[in-house]
N, C-alpha and C. Protein backbone atom coordinates (compact mmCIF):
# COMPACT_ATOMS: atom_id res chain seq x y z
N UNK A 1 23.39 18.40 40.27
CA UNK A 1 24.44 18.22 39.27
C UNK A 1 24.01 18.85 37.95
N UNK A 2 22.74 18.67 37.58
CA UNK A 2 22.26 19.23 36.32
C UNK A 2 22.35 20.75 36.31
N UNK A 3 22.22 21.35 37.48
CA UNK A 3 22.33 22.80 37.59
C UNK A 3 23.78 23.25 37.72
N UNK A 4 24.69 22.28 37.70
CA UNK A 4 26.12 22.53 37.78
C UNK A 4 26.53 23.16 39.12
N UNK A 5 25.76 22.86 40.15
CA UNK A 5 26.08 23.29 41.51
C UNK A 5 26.79 22.12 42.18
N UNK A 6 28.03 21.92 41.78
CA UNK A 6 28.74 20.70 42.15
C UNK A 6 29.06 20.62 43.64
N UNK A 7 29.36 21.74 44.28
CA UNK A 7 29.64 21.69 45.71
C UNK A 7 28.40 21.25 46.49
N UNK A 8 27.25 21.80 46.12
CA UNK A 8 26.00 21.39 46.77
C UNK A 8 25.69 19.93 46.48
N UNK A 9 25.87 19.55 45.23
CA UNK A 9 25.59 18.16 44.85
C UNK A 9 26.48 17.20 45.63
N UNK A 10 27.73 17.58 45.82
CA UNK A 10 28.66 16.72 46.55
C UNK A 10 28.16 16.47 47.98
N UNK A 11 27.68 17.52 48.62
CA UNK A 11 27.17 17.38 49.98
C UNK A 11 25.98 16.43 50.01
N UNK A 12 25.06 16.60 49.07
CA UNK A 12 23.88 15.73 49.02
C UNK A 12 24.27 14.29 48.71
N UNK A 13 25.21 14.12 47.80
CA UNK A 13 25.63 12.77 47.44
C UNK A 13 26.38 12.09 48.58
N UNK A 14 27.22 12.83 49.30
CA UNK A 14 27.90 12.26 50.47
C UNK A 14 26.88 11.75 51.48
N UNK A 15 25.83 12.56 51.71
CA UNK A 15 24.78 12.15 52.65
C UNK A 15 24.01 10.94 52.13
N UNK A 16 23.71 10.93 50.85
CA UNK A 16 22.97 9.80 50.26
C UNK A 16 23.77 8.51 50.37
N UNK A 17 25.06 8.58 50.09
CA UNK A 17 25.92 7.40 50.16
C UNK A 17 26.08 6.94 51.60
N UNK A 18 26.22 7.89 52.52
CA UNK A 18 26.35 7.54 53.93
C UNK A 18 25.08 6.85 54.44
N UNK A 19 23.93 7.26 53.91
CA UNK A 19 22.67 6.70 54.36
C UNK A 19 22.27 5.41 53.68
N UNK A 20 22.84 5.14 52.50
CA UNK A 20 22.44 3.94 51.75
C UNK A 20 23.59 3.47 50.87
N UNK A 21 24.33 2.48 51.34
CA UNK A 21 25.49 1.95 50.61
C UNK A 21 25.10 1.07 49.43
N UNK A 22 23.80 0.92 49.17
CA UNK A 22 23.35 0.10 48.05
C UNK A 22 22.64 0.92 46.98
N UNK A 23 22.68 2.25 47.11
CA UNK A 23 22.07 3.13 46.12
C UNK A 23 23.06 3.32 44.98
N UNK A 24 22.94 2.50 43.95
CA UNK A 24 23.94 2.48 42.88
C UNK A 24 24.06 3.83 42.17
N UNK A 25 22.96 4.53 42.01
CA UNK A 25 23.02 5.84 41.34
C UNK A 25 23.77 6.86 42.18
N UNK A 26 23.51 6.89 43.48
CA UNK A 26 24.22 7.82 44.35
C UNK A 26 25.71 7.48 44.39
N UNK A 27 26.03 6.20 44.48
CA UNK A 27 27.43 5.77 44.50
C UNK A 27 28.14 6.18 43.21
N UNK A 28 27.50 5.90 42.07
CA UNK A 28 28.09 6.26 40.79
C UNK A 28 28.25 7.77 40.65
N UNK A 29 27.20 8.51 40.93
CA UNK A 29 27.23 9.96 40.76
C UNK A 29 28.25 10.62 41.69
N UNK A 30 28.39 10.11 42.88
CA UNK A 30 29.40 10.64 43.79
C UNK A 30 30.79 10.38 43.23
N UNK A 31 31.05 9.17 42.76
CA UNK A 31 32.35 8.86 42.16
C UNK A 31 32.59 9.73 40.93
N UNK A 32 31.55 9.92 40.12
CA UNK A 32 31.67 10.77 38.93
C UNK A 32 32.03 12.20 39.33
N UNK A 33 31.36 12.72 40.34
CA UNK A 33 31.62 14.07 40.80
C UNK A 33 33.05 14.20 41.31
N UNK A 34 33.53 13.20 42.04
CA UNK A 34 34.91 13.21 42.50
C UNK A 34 35.89 13.20 41.32
N UNK A 35 35.56 12.43 40.29
CA UNK A 35 36.45 12.38 39.12
C UNK A 35 36.53 13.74 38.44
N UNK A 36 35.43 14.45 38.37
CA UNK A 36 35.39 15.77 37.73
C UNK A 36 36.31 16.77 38.40
N UNK A 37 36.53 16.60 39.68
CA UNK A 37 37.38 17.54 40.41
C UNK A 37 38.83 17.54 39.92
N UNK A 38 39.23 16.49 39.21
CA UNK A 38 40.60 16.39 38.72
C UNK A 38 40.76 16.82 37.27
N UNK A 39 39.68 17.22 36.63
CA UNK A 39 39.76 17.65 35.24
C UNK A 39 40.36 19.04 35.14
N UNK A 40 41.13 19.28 34.08
CA UNK A 40 41.67 20.61 33.87
C UNK A 40 40.66 21.47 33.10
N UNK A 41 41.06 22.67 32.76
CA UNK A 41 40.14 23.60 32.09
C UNK A 41 39.74 23.14 30.69
N UNK A 42 40.44 22.17 30.14
CA UNK A 42 40.13 21.65 28.81
C UNK A 42 39.32 20.35 28.87
N UNK A 43 39.02 19.90 30.07
CA UNK A 43 38.24 18.68 30.24
C UNK A 43 39.06 17.41 30.25
N UNK A 44 40.36 17.52 30.53
CA UNK A 44 41.23 16.36 30.57
C UNK A 44 41.71 16.13 32.00
N UNK A 45 42.06 14.90 32.27
CA UNK A 45 42.62 14.57 33.59
C UNK A 45 43.93 13.83 33.36
N UNK A 46 44.97 14.29 34.04
CA UNK A 46 46.29 13.66 33.93
C UNK A 46 46.48 12.59 35.00
N UNK A 47 45.93 12.87 36.18
CA UNK A 47 46.08 11.91 37.28
C UNK A 47 44.98 12.16 38.31
N UNK A 48 44.75 11.13 39.08
CA UNK A 48 43.89 11.24 40.24
C UNK A 48 44.78 11.06 41.47
N UNK A 49 44.64 11.92 42.47
CA UNK A 49 45.38 11.66 43.70
C UNK A 49 45.04 10.25 44.20
N UNK A 50 46.04 9.56 44.76
CA UNK A 50 45.87 8.16 45.15
C UNK A 50 44.67 7.95 46.08
N UNK A 51 44.51 8.83 47.05
CA UNK A 51 43.40 8.68 48.00
C UNK A 51 42.06 8.84 47.30
N UNK A 52 41.97 9.79 46.39
CA UNK A 52 40.72 10.02 45.66
C UNK A 52 40.43 8.84 44.72
N UNK A 53 41.47 8.34 44.06
CA UNK A 53 41.29 7.18 43.17
C UNK A 53 40.79 5.98 43.96
N UNK A 54 41.35 5.75 45.14
CA UNK A 54 40.91 4.62 45.97
C UNK A 54 39.45 4.79 46.39
N UNK A 55 39.07 6.02 46.72
CA UNK A 55 37.69 6.27 47.13
C UNK A 55 36.73 6.04 45.95
N UNK A 56 37.11 6.52 44.78
CA UNK A 56 36.27 6.32 43.59
C UNK A 56 36.15 4.84 43.27
N UNK A 57 37.25 4.12 43.34
CA UNK A 57 37.23 2.68 43.07
C UNK A 57 36.27 1.97 44.03
N UNK A 58 36.34 2.33 45.31
CA UNK A 58 35.47 1.71 46.31
C UNK A 58 34.00 2.02 46.00
N UNK A 59 33.70 3.28 45.73
CA UNK A 59 32.32 3.67 45.42
C UNK A 59 31.79 2.92 44.20
N UNK A 60 32.63 2.83 43.16
CA UNK A 60 32.19 2.21 41.91
C UNK A 60 32.04 0.70 42.05
N UNK A 61 32.89 0.06 42.83
CA UNK A 61 32.72 -1.37 43.06
C UNK A 61 31.41 -1.64 43.80
N UNK A 62 31.08 -0.77 44.74
CA UNK A 62 29.81 -0.91 45.46
C UNK A 62 28.64 -0.66 44.51
N UNK A 63 28.79 0.30 43.62
CA UNK A 63 27.72 0.59 42.66
C UNK A 63 27.49 -0.60 41.74
N UNK A 64 28.56 -1.23 41.29
CA UNK A 64 28.45 -2.40 40.41
C UNK A 64 27.79 -3.56 41.16
N UNK A 65 28.19 -3.76 42.40
CA UNK A 65 27.59 -4.84 43.20
C UNK A 65 26.10 -4.59 43.41
N UNK A 66 25.72 -3.33 43.60
CA UNK A 66 24.32 -2.99 43.84
C UNK A 66 23.47 -3.08 42.58
N UNK A 67 24.07 -2.77 41.42
CA UNK A 67 23.32 -2.79 40.16
C UNK A 67 24.27 -3.16 39.01
N UNK A 68 24.51 -4.46 38.81
CA UNK A 68 25.46 -4.89 37.80
C UNK A 68 25.09 -4.49 36.37
N UNK A 69 23.84 -4.19 36.11
CA UNK A 69 23.45 -3.86 34.73
C UNK A 69 23.64 -2.39 34.39
N UNK A 70 23.99 -1.55 35.37
CA UNK A 70 24.28 -0.14 35.08
C UNK A 70 25.75 -0.03 34.68
N UNK A 71 25.99 -0.03 33.39
CA UNK A 71 27.34 -0.20 32.85
C UNK A 71 28.22 1.03 32.94
N UNK A 72 27.64 2.20 33.17
CA UNK A 72 28.48 3.40 33.30
C UNK A 72 29.44 3.28 34.49
N UNK A 73 29.04 2.52 35.51
CA UNK A 73 29.93 2.31 36.65
C UNK A 73 31.18 1.55 36.23
N UNK A 74 31.02 0.55 35.38
CA UNK A 74 32.16 -0.22 34.88
C UNK A 74 33.11 0.70 34.10
N UNK A 75 32.52 1.52 33.24
CA UNK A 75 33.32 2.39 32.38
C UNK A 75 34.11 3.40 33.21
N UNK A 76 33.46 4.01 34.19
CA UNK A 76 34.16 5.00 35.01
C UNK A 76 35.25 4.33 35.85
N UNK A 77 34.98 3.15 36.37
CA UNK A 77 35.99 2.43 37.14
C UNK A 77 37.19 2.09 36.24
N UNK A 78 36.94 1.67 35.02
CA UNK A 78 38.03 1.38 34.08
C UNK A 78 38.82 2.66 33.77
N UNK A 79 38.11 3.78 33.62
CA UNK A 79 38.79 5.05 33.36
C UNK A 79 39.69 5.45 34.53
N UNK A 80 39.19 5.31 35.75
CA UNK A 80 39.99 5.63 36.93
C UNK A 80 41.24 4.75 36.95
N UNK A 81 41.09 3.48 36.63
CA UNK A 81 42.24 2.56 36.59
C UNK A 81 43.23 2.97 35.51
N UNK A 82 42.70 3.32 34.35
CA UNK A 82 43.58 3.70 33.23
C UNK A 82 44.38 4.96 33.57
N UNK A 83 43.72 5.96 34.10
CA UNK A 83 44.41 7.20 34.46
C UNK A 83 45.43 6.94 35.55
N UNK A 84 45.07 6.12 36.52
CA UNK A 84 45.97 5.81 37.64
C UNK A 84 47.07 4.84 37.25
N UNK A 85 46.87 4.10 36.17
CA UNK A 85 47.87 3.14 35.72
C UNK A 85 47.93 1.88 36.56
N UNK A 86 46.83 1.57 37.26
CA UNK A 86 46.79 0.38 38.11
C UNK A 86 45.55 -0.45 37.78
N UNK A 87 45.63 -1.71 38.08
CA UNK A 87 44.50 -2.63 37.90
C UNK A 87 44.02 -2.63 36.44
N UNK A 88 44.94 -2.55 35.50
CA UNK A 88 44.56 -2.44 34.09
C UNK A 88 43.92 -3.71 33.55
N UNK A 89 44.42 -4.87 33.96
CA UNK A 89 43.80 -6.13 33.51
C UNK A 89 42.37 -6.23 34.05
N UNK A 90 42.18 -5.83 35.30
CA UNK A 90 40.85 -5.82 35.89
C UNK A 90 39.94 -4.86 35.12
N UNK A 91 40.47 -3.71 34.73
CA UNK A 91 39.69 -2.72 33.99
C UNK A 91 39.20 -3.29 32.66
N UNK A 92 40.05 -4.03 31.97
CA UNK A 92 39.64 -4.66 30.71
C UNK A 92 38.52 -5.66 30.98
N UNK A 93 38.67 -6.45 32.01
CA UNK A 93 37.62 -7.43 32.34
C UNK A 93 36.31 -6.75 32.71
N UNK A 94 36.39 -5.64 33.43
CA UNK A 94 35.18 -4.88 33.76
C UNK A 94 34.47 -4.40 32.50
N UNK A 95 35.24 -3.88 31.56
CA UNK A 95 34.65 -3.40 30.32
C UNK A 95 34.07 -4.54 29.50
N UNK A 96 34.71 -5.69 29.54
CA UNK A 96 34.15 -6.86 28.85
C UNK A 96 32.83 -7.27 29.49
N UNK A 97 32.73 -7.14 30.82
CA UNK A 97 31.47 -7.41 31.50
C UNK A 97 30.41 -6.41 31.07
N UNK A 98 30.79 -5.14 30.98
CA UNK A 98 29.85 -4.11 30.54
C UNK A 98 29.36 -4.39 29.12
N UNK A 99 30.24 -4.90 28.28
CA UNK A 99 29.86 -5.22 26.90
C UNK A 99 28.88 -6.39 26.83
N UNK A 100 28.85 -7.23 27.85
CA UNK A 100 27.85 -8.30 27.88
C UNK A 100 26.45 -7.71 28.06
N UNK A 101 26.38 -6.61 28.82
CA UNK A 101 25.10 -5.93 29.02
C UNK A 101 24.76 -5.03 27.84
N UNK A 102 25.78 -4.49 27.19
CA UNK A 102 25.57 -3.59 26.06
C UNK A 102 26.48 -4.00 24.90
N UNK A 103 26.16 -5.12 24.25
CA UNK A 103 27.00 -5.57 23.14
C UNK A 103 27.10 -4.48 22.07
N UNK A 104 28.29 -4.33 21.55
CA UNK A 104 28.49 -3.36 20.48
C UNK A 104 28.70 -1.93 20.94
N UNK A 105 28.78 -1.70 22.23
CA UNK A 105 29.03 -0.33 22.71
C UNK A 105 30.46 0.05 22.36
N UNK A 106 30.58 0.91 21.37
CA UNK A 106 31.91 1.25 20.85
C UNK A 106 32.72 2.11 21.82
N UNK A 107 32.06 2.87 22.66
CA UNK A 107 32.80 3.65 23.67
C UNK A 107 33.55 2.72 24.61
N UNK A 108 32.89 1.64 25.02
CA UNK A 108 33.53 0.70 25.93
C UNK A 108 34.66 -0.06 25.23
N UNK A 109 34.42 -0.45 24.01
CA UNK A 109 35.47 -1.15 23.25
C UNK A 109 36.67 -0.22 23.02
N UNK A 110 36.40 1.04 22.76
CA UNK A 110 37.48 2.00 22.55
C UNK A 110 38.28 2.20 23.84
N UNK A 111 37.61 2.18 24.96
CA UNK A 111 38.32 2.29 26.25
C UNK A 111 39.23 1.08 26.44
N UNK A 112 38.78 -0.11 26.01
CA UNK A 112 39.65 -1.30 26.07
C UNK A 112 40.90 -1.06 25.22
N UNK A 113 40.71 -0.51 24.03
CA UNK A 113 41.85 -0.22 23.16
C UNK A 113 42.81 0.77 23.83
N UNK A 114 42.28 1.77 24.50
CA UNK A 114 43.13 2.74 25.21
C UNK A 114 43.93 2.06 26.31
N UNK A 115 43.29 1.16 27.02
CA UNK A 115 43.99 0.44 28.08
C UNK A 115 45.06 -0.47 27.49
N UNK A 116 44.73 -1.18 26.43
CA UNK A 116 45.73 -2.02 25.77
C UNK A 116 46.93 -1.19 25.31
N UNK A 117 46.66 -0.02 24.79
CA UNK A 117 47.75 0.85 24.36
C UNK A 117 48.61 1.23 25.55
N UNK A 118 47.98 1.55 26.65
CA UNK A 118 48.72 1.91 27.87
C UNK A 118 49.58 0.74 28.34
N UNK A 119 49.09 -0.50 28.10
CA UNK A 119 49.84 -1.69 28.47
C UNK A 119 50.87 -2.10 27.41
N UNK A 120 50.97 -1.31 26.37
CA UNK A 120 51.85 -1.58 25.22
C UNK A 120 51.46 -2.84 24.47
N UNK A 121 50.19 -3.16 24.50
CA UNK A 121 49.63 -4.25 23.70
C UNK A 121 49.13 -3.61 22.40
N UNK A 122 50.08 -3.12 21.63
CA UNK A 122 49.75 -2.30 20.47
C UNK A 122 48.95 -3.01 19.40
N UNK A 123 49.28 -4.26 19.02
CA UNK A 123 48.48 -4.91 17.98
C UNK A 123 47.00 -5.06 18.38
N UNK A 124 46.75 -5.46 19.64
CA UNK A 124 45.37 -5.61 20.10
C UNK A 124 44.65 -4.25 20.11
N UNK A 125 45.34 -3.23 20.60
CA UNK A 125 44.76 -1.89 20.66
C UNK A 125 44.45 -1.37 19.27
N UNK A 126 45.40 -1.53 18.36
CA UNK A 126 45.22 -1.04 16.99
C UNK A 126 44.06 -1.75 16.29
N UNK A 127 43.95 -3.05 16.48
CA UNK A 127 42.87 -3.81 15.83
C UNK A 127 41.50 -3.28 16.26
N UNK A 128 41.34 -3.03 17.54
CA UNK A 128 40.05 -2.51 18.03
C UNK A 128 39.80 -1.10 17.51
N UNK A 129 40.80 -0.24 17.64
CA UNK A 129 40.63 1.16 17.22
C UNK A 129 40.35 1.27 15.73
N UNK A 130 41.05 0.50 14.91
CA UNK A 130 40.83 0.55 13.47
C UNK A 130 39.42 0.06 13.10
N UNK A 131 38.98 -1.00 13.77
CA UNK A 131 37.64 -1.53 13.50
C UNK A 131 36.58 -0.49 13.84
N UNK A 132 36.74 0.15 14.98
CA UNK A 132 35.76 1.17 15.39
C UNK A 132 35.81 2.37 14.44
N UNK A 133 37.00 2.77 14.03
CA UNK A 133 37.12 3.90 13.11
C UNK A 133 36.39 3.62 11.80
N UNK A 134 36.39 2.37 11.37
CA UNK A 134 35.73 2.00 10.11
C UNK A 134 34.22 1.83 10.26
N UNK A 135 33.75 1.51 11.46
CA UNK A 135 32.34 1.14 11.61
C UNK A 135 31.50 2.12 12.43
N UNK A 136 32.15 3.11 13.05
CA UNK A 136 31.42 4.01 13.95
C UNK A 136 30.41 4.86 13.21
N UNK A 137 29.21 4.93 13.77
CA UNK A 137 28.18 5.83 13.24
C UNK A 137 28.27 7.19 13.91
N UNK A 138 28.71 7.20 15.15
CA UNK A 138 28.83 8.43 15.94
C UNK A 138 30.13 9.14 15.54
N UNK A 139 30.02 10.38 15.11
CA UNK A 139 31.20 11.14 14.65
C UNK A 139 32.25 11.29 15.75
N UNK A 140 31.81 11.52 16.98
CA UNK A 140 32.75 11.70 18.08
C UNK A 140 33.52 10.41 18.35
N UNK A 141 32.84 9.28 18.32
CA UNK A 141 33.49 7.99 18.53
C UNK A 141 34.48 7.73 17.39
N UNK A 142 34.08 8.04 16.17
CA UNK A 142 34.97 7.85 15.02
C UNK A 142 36.23 8.70 15.16
N UNK A 143 36.07 9.95 15.57
CA UNK A 143 37.22 10.84 15.76
C UNK A 143 38.15 10.30 16.84
N UNK A 144 37.57 9.82 17.94
CA UNK A 144 38.39 9.24 19.01
C UNK A 144 39.14 8.01 18.51
N UNK A 145 38.46 7.18 17.72
CA UNK A 145 39.09 5.96 17.20
C UNK A 145 40.22 6.32 16.23
N UNK A 146 39.97 7.28 15.35
CA UNK A 146 41.02 7.71 14.41
C UNK A 146 42.22 8.28 15.16
N UNK A 147 41.95 9.10 16.15
CA UNK A 147 43.02 9.70 16.95
C UNK A 147 43.81 8.64 17.70
N UNK A 148 43.10 7.68 18.28
CA UNK A 148 43.76 6.60 19.00
C UNK A 148 44.60 5.75 18.07
N UNK A 149 44.09 5.46 16.88
CA UNK A 149 44.84 4.68 15.90
C UNK A 149 46.16 5.37 15.57
N UNK A 150 46.11 6.68 15.37
CA UNK A 150 47.33 7.44 15.06
C UNK A 150 48.28 7.46 16.26
N UNK A 151 47.74 7.63 17.45
CA UNK A 151 48.58 7.64 18.65
C UNK A 151 49.26 6.28 18.84
N UNK A 152 48.53 5.20 18.59
CA UNK A 152 49.11 3.86 18.71
C UNK A 152 50.25 3.68 17.71
N UNK A 153 50.03 4.15 16.48
CA UNK A 153 51.08 4.05 15.45
C UNK A 153 52.34 4.77 15.91
N UNK A 154 52.18 6.00 16.42
CA UNK A 154 53.34 6.78 16.89
C UNK A 154 54.01 6.09 18.08
N UNK A 155 53.21 5.57 19.00
CA UNK A 155 53.78 4.90 20.16
C UNK A 155 54.53 3.63 19.78
N UNK A 156 53.99 2.89 18.82
CA UNK A 156 54.68 1.69 18.34
C UNK A 156 56.04 2.06 17.76
N UNK A 157 56.06 3.10 16.94
CA UNK A 157 57.31 3.54 16.32
C UNK A 157 58.32 3.98 17.38
N UNK A 158 57.86 4.78 18.34
CA UNK A 158 58.75 5.27 19.40
C UNK A 158 59.28 4.12 20.23
N UNK A 159 58.41 3.18 20.57
CA UNK A 159 58.82 2.04 21.37
C UNK A 159 59.82 1.18 20.61
N UNK A 160 59.59 0.98 19.32
CA UNK A 160 60.51 0.18 18.50
C UNK A 160 61.87 0.87 18.42
N UNK A 161 61.88 2.19 18.25
CA UNK A 161 63.14 2.93 18.22
C UNK A 161 63.88 2.84 19.55
N UNK A 162 63.13 2.94 20.63
CA UNK A 162 63.72 2.83 21.96
C UNK A 162 64.35 1.45 22.16
N UNK A 163 63.62 0.42 21.78
CA UNK A 163 64.14 -0.95 21.92
C UNK A 163 65.39 -1.16 21.06
N UNK A 164 65.37 -0.62 19.84
CA UNK A 164 66.53 -0.75 18.95
C UNK A 164 67.74 -0.03 19.53
N UNK A 165 67.52 1.15 20.08
CA UNK A 165 68.62 1.92 20.67
C UNK A 165 69.18 1.21 21.91
N UNK A 166 68.32 0.56 22.65
CA UNK A 166 68.76 -0.17 23.84
C UNK A 166 69.69 -1.33 23.49
N UNK A 167 69.45 -1.93 22.31
CA UNK A 167 70.24 -3.10 21.89
C UNK A 167 71.62 -2.68 21.39
N UNK A 168 71.78 -1.43 21.02
CA UNK A 168 73.06 -0.99 20.45
C UNK A 168 74.08 -0.68 21.50
């Protein structure tokens, strides 16, 4: 993977996972590699095919069971859920579990805010994003929080306009 030979890495990871269903690193890395296959040329993913999302979810749940303290598995599983638009409440709980292992991890908290926004829980999402935007030391995290705060504001306005138009 470090050499960016993803096809070769996939073969090795498939074999590693087939040989050891409790190897949390192999399970996580295989799921991560599968997730990368859905990214566009700009590094974004719009959707995961249902079969691939189910496979990633299975791999990541096994990775968490094998090594609950490796929190990247929680984060990737939450991301898969968010992109797929399913199991969002579970995704929030997973991230809260990850935060028990890594209190103060702003990336995980920001992912919770993104999920809340997707669920139209705008006040909760905005509160988290604004707090992170004010306290982040990492420039990239701060930019993400600022961007999310603005997106939440626009979504709240659009949703309010939609609801008002529906009542008329």
